[in-house]
Amino acid sequence: MTQSNNDKLTQSVGKKLRQIRESYSLTTSELAERSKIVETDIIEFENGKKRPNADQIIHLSQALNVTPSIFFIE
């Protein structure tokens, strides 16, 4: 996968994460507490600066009560 494709995927996952979090009216702090992922990482995910690894995707999906694949569907 090229770097630009990686960047697009990172941006897409972050955008979807923010949309889902906001649909539940959760703050990044609340999501951090629920998912056991530090808030700064969640902020970086949402801003497309960092992509969550597989374990983090699972924790986020459990905290938001969604399937992990939702983060990869446009």
C-alpha atoms as a PDB file:
ATOM      1  CA  MET A   1       0.000   0.000   0.000  1.00  0.00           C
ATOM      2  CA  THR A   2       1.384   3.402  -0.854  1.00  0.00           C
ATOM      3  CA  GLN A   3       1.892   6.115   1.723  1.00  0.00           C
ATOM      4  CA  SER A   4      -0.981   8.155   0.285  1.00  0.00           C
ATOM      5  CA  ASN A   5      -3.316   5.156   0.637  1.00  0.00           C
ATOM      6  CA  ASN A   6      -2.157   4.729   4.232  1.00  0.00           C
ATOM      7  CA  ASP A   7      -2.853   8.407   4.862  1.00  0.00           C
ATOM      8  CA  LYS A   8      -6.311   8.114   3.325  1.00  0.00           C
ATOM      9  CA  LEU A   9      -7.121   5.077   5.463  1.00  0.00           C
ATOM     10  CA  THR A  10      -5.877   6.819   8.607  1.00  0.00           C
ATOM     11  CA  GLN A  11      -8.004   9.881   7.783  1.00  0.00           C
ATOM     12  CA  SER A  12     -11.049   7.744   6.984  1.00  0.00           C
ATOM     13  CA  VAL A  13     -10.836   5.727  10.205  1.00  0.00           C
ATOM     14  CA  GLY A  14     -10.426   8.916  12.243  1.00  0.00           C
ATOM     15  CA  LYS A  15     -13.371  10.600  10.580  1.00  0.00           C
ATOM     16  CA  LYS A  16     -15.604   7.570  11.171  1.00  0.00           C
ATOM     17  CA  LEU A  17     -14.475   7.359  14.806  1.00  0.00           C
ATOM     18  CA  ARG A  18     -15.387  11.014  15.383  1.00  0.00           C
ATOM     19  CA  GLN A  19     -18.782  10.591  13.681  1.00  0.00           C
ATOM     20  CA  ILE A  20     -19.682   7.594  15.813  1.00  0.00           C
ATOM     21  CA  ARG A  21     -18.402   9.171  19.033  1.00  0.00           C
ATOM     22  CA  GLU A  22     -20.355  12.361  18.383  1.00  0.00           C
ATOM     23  CA  SER A  23     -23.510  10.393  17.504  1.00  0.00           C
ATOM     24  CA  TYR A  24     -23.374   9.041  21.061  1.00  0.00           C
ATOM     25  CA  SER A  25     -22.724  12.568  22.400  1.00  0.00           C
ATOM     26  CA  LEU A  26     -19.502  11.391  24.021  1.00  0.00           C
ATOM     27  CA  THR A  27     -16.464  13.532  24.675  1.00  0.00           C
ATOM     28  CA  THR A  28     -13.017  12.218  23.834  1.00  0.00           C
ATOM     29  CA  SER A  29     -12.435  11.951  27.579  1.00  0.00           C
ATOM     30  CA  GLU A  30     -15.530   9.794  28.045  1.00  0.00           C
ATOM     31  CA  LEU A  31     -14.537   7.547  25.158  1.00  0.00           C
ATOM     32  CA  ALA A  32     -11.039   7.252  26.596  1.00  0.00           C
ATOM     33  CA  GLU A  33     -12.461   6.107  29.917  1.00  0.00           C
ATOM     34  CA  ARG A  34     -14.801   3.581  28.269  1.00  0.00           C
ATOM     35  CA  SER A  35     -12.207   2.190  25.854  1.00  0.00           C
ATOM     36  CA  LYS A  36      -9.181   2.298  28.190  1.00  0.00           C
ATOM     37  CA  ILE A  37      -7.263   4.198  25.482  1.00  0.00           C
ATOM     38  CA  VAL A  38      -5.573   7.443  26.447  1.00  0.00           C
ATOM     39  CA  GLU A  39      -7.423  10.543  25.324  1.00  0.00           C
ATOM     40  CA  THR A  40      -4.452  11.967  23.409  1.00  0.00           C
ATOM     41  CA  ASP A  41      -4.412   8.841  21.216  1.00  0.00           C
ATOM     42  CA  ILE A  42      -8.140   9.192  20.499  1.00  0.00           C
ATOM     43  CA  ILE A  43      -7.615  12.825  19.515  1.00  0.00           C
ATOM     44  CA  GLU A  44      -4.737  11.827  17.221  1.00  0.00           C
ATOM     45  CA  PHE A  45      -6.885   9.072  15.664  1.00  0.00           C
ATOM     46  CA  GLU A  46      -9.717  11.509  14.987  1.00  0.00           C
ATOM     47  CA  ASN A  47      -7.349  14.091  13.519  1.00  0.00           C
ATOM     48  CA  GLY A  48      -5.816  11.515  11.168  1.00  0.00           C
ATOM     49  CA  LYS A  49      -2.382  11.791  12.742  1.00  0.00           C
ATOM     50  CA  LYS A  50      -2.291   8.239  14.035  1.00  0.00           C
ATOM     51  CA  ARG A  51      -4.108   5.032  13.098  1.00  0.00           C
ATOM     52  CA  PRO A  52      -5.403   2.731  15.835  1.00  0.00           C
ATOM     53  CA  ASN A  53      -3.943  -0.763  15.887  1.00  0.00           C
ATOM     54  CA  ALA A  54      -6.139  -3.874  15.852  1.00  0.00           C
ATOM     55  CA  ASP A  55      -6.439  -4.065  19.649  1.00  0.00           C
ATOM     56  CA  GLN A  56      -7.388  -0.403  19.850  1.00  0.00           C
ATOM     57  CA  ILE A  57     -10.025  -0.854  17.127  1.00  0.00           C
ATOM     58  CA  ILE A  58     -11.548  -3.675  19.184  1.00  0.00           C
ATOM     59  CA  HIS A  59     -11.550  -1.585  22.378  1.00  0.00           C
ATOM     60  CA  LEU A  60     -13.096   1.384  20.559  1.00  0.00           C
ATOM     61  CA  SER A  61     -15.760  -0.747  18.911  1.00  0.00           C
ATOM     62  CA  GLN A  62     -16.687  -2.348  22.237  1.00  0.00           C
ATOM     63  CA  ALA A  63     -16.834   1.053  23.946  1.00  0.00           C
ATOM     64  CA  LEU A  64     -19.089   2.386  21.174  1.00  0.00           C
ATOM     65  CA  ASN A  65     -21.107  -0.835  20.789  1.00  0.00           C
ATOM     66  CA  VAL A  66     -20.337  -1.175  17.066  1.00  0.00           C
ATOM     67  CA  THR A  67     -18.617  -3.819  14.956  1.00  0.00           C
ATOM     68  CA  PRO A  68     -14.919  -3.185  14.275  1.00  0.00           C
ATOM     69  CA  SER A  69     -15.510  -3.218  10.520  1.00  0.00           C
ATOM     70  CA  ILE A  70     -17.608  -0.022  10.768  1.00  0.00           C
ATOM     71  CA  PHE A  71     -14.380   1.994  10.916  1.00  0.00           C
ATOM     72  CA  PHE A  72     -13.397   0.774   7.449  1.00  0.00           C
ATOM     73  CA  ILE A  73     -16.714   1.370   5.663  1.00  0.00           C
ATOM     74  CA  GLU A  74     -17.091   4.667   3.847  1.00  0.00           C
END
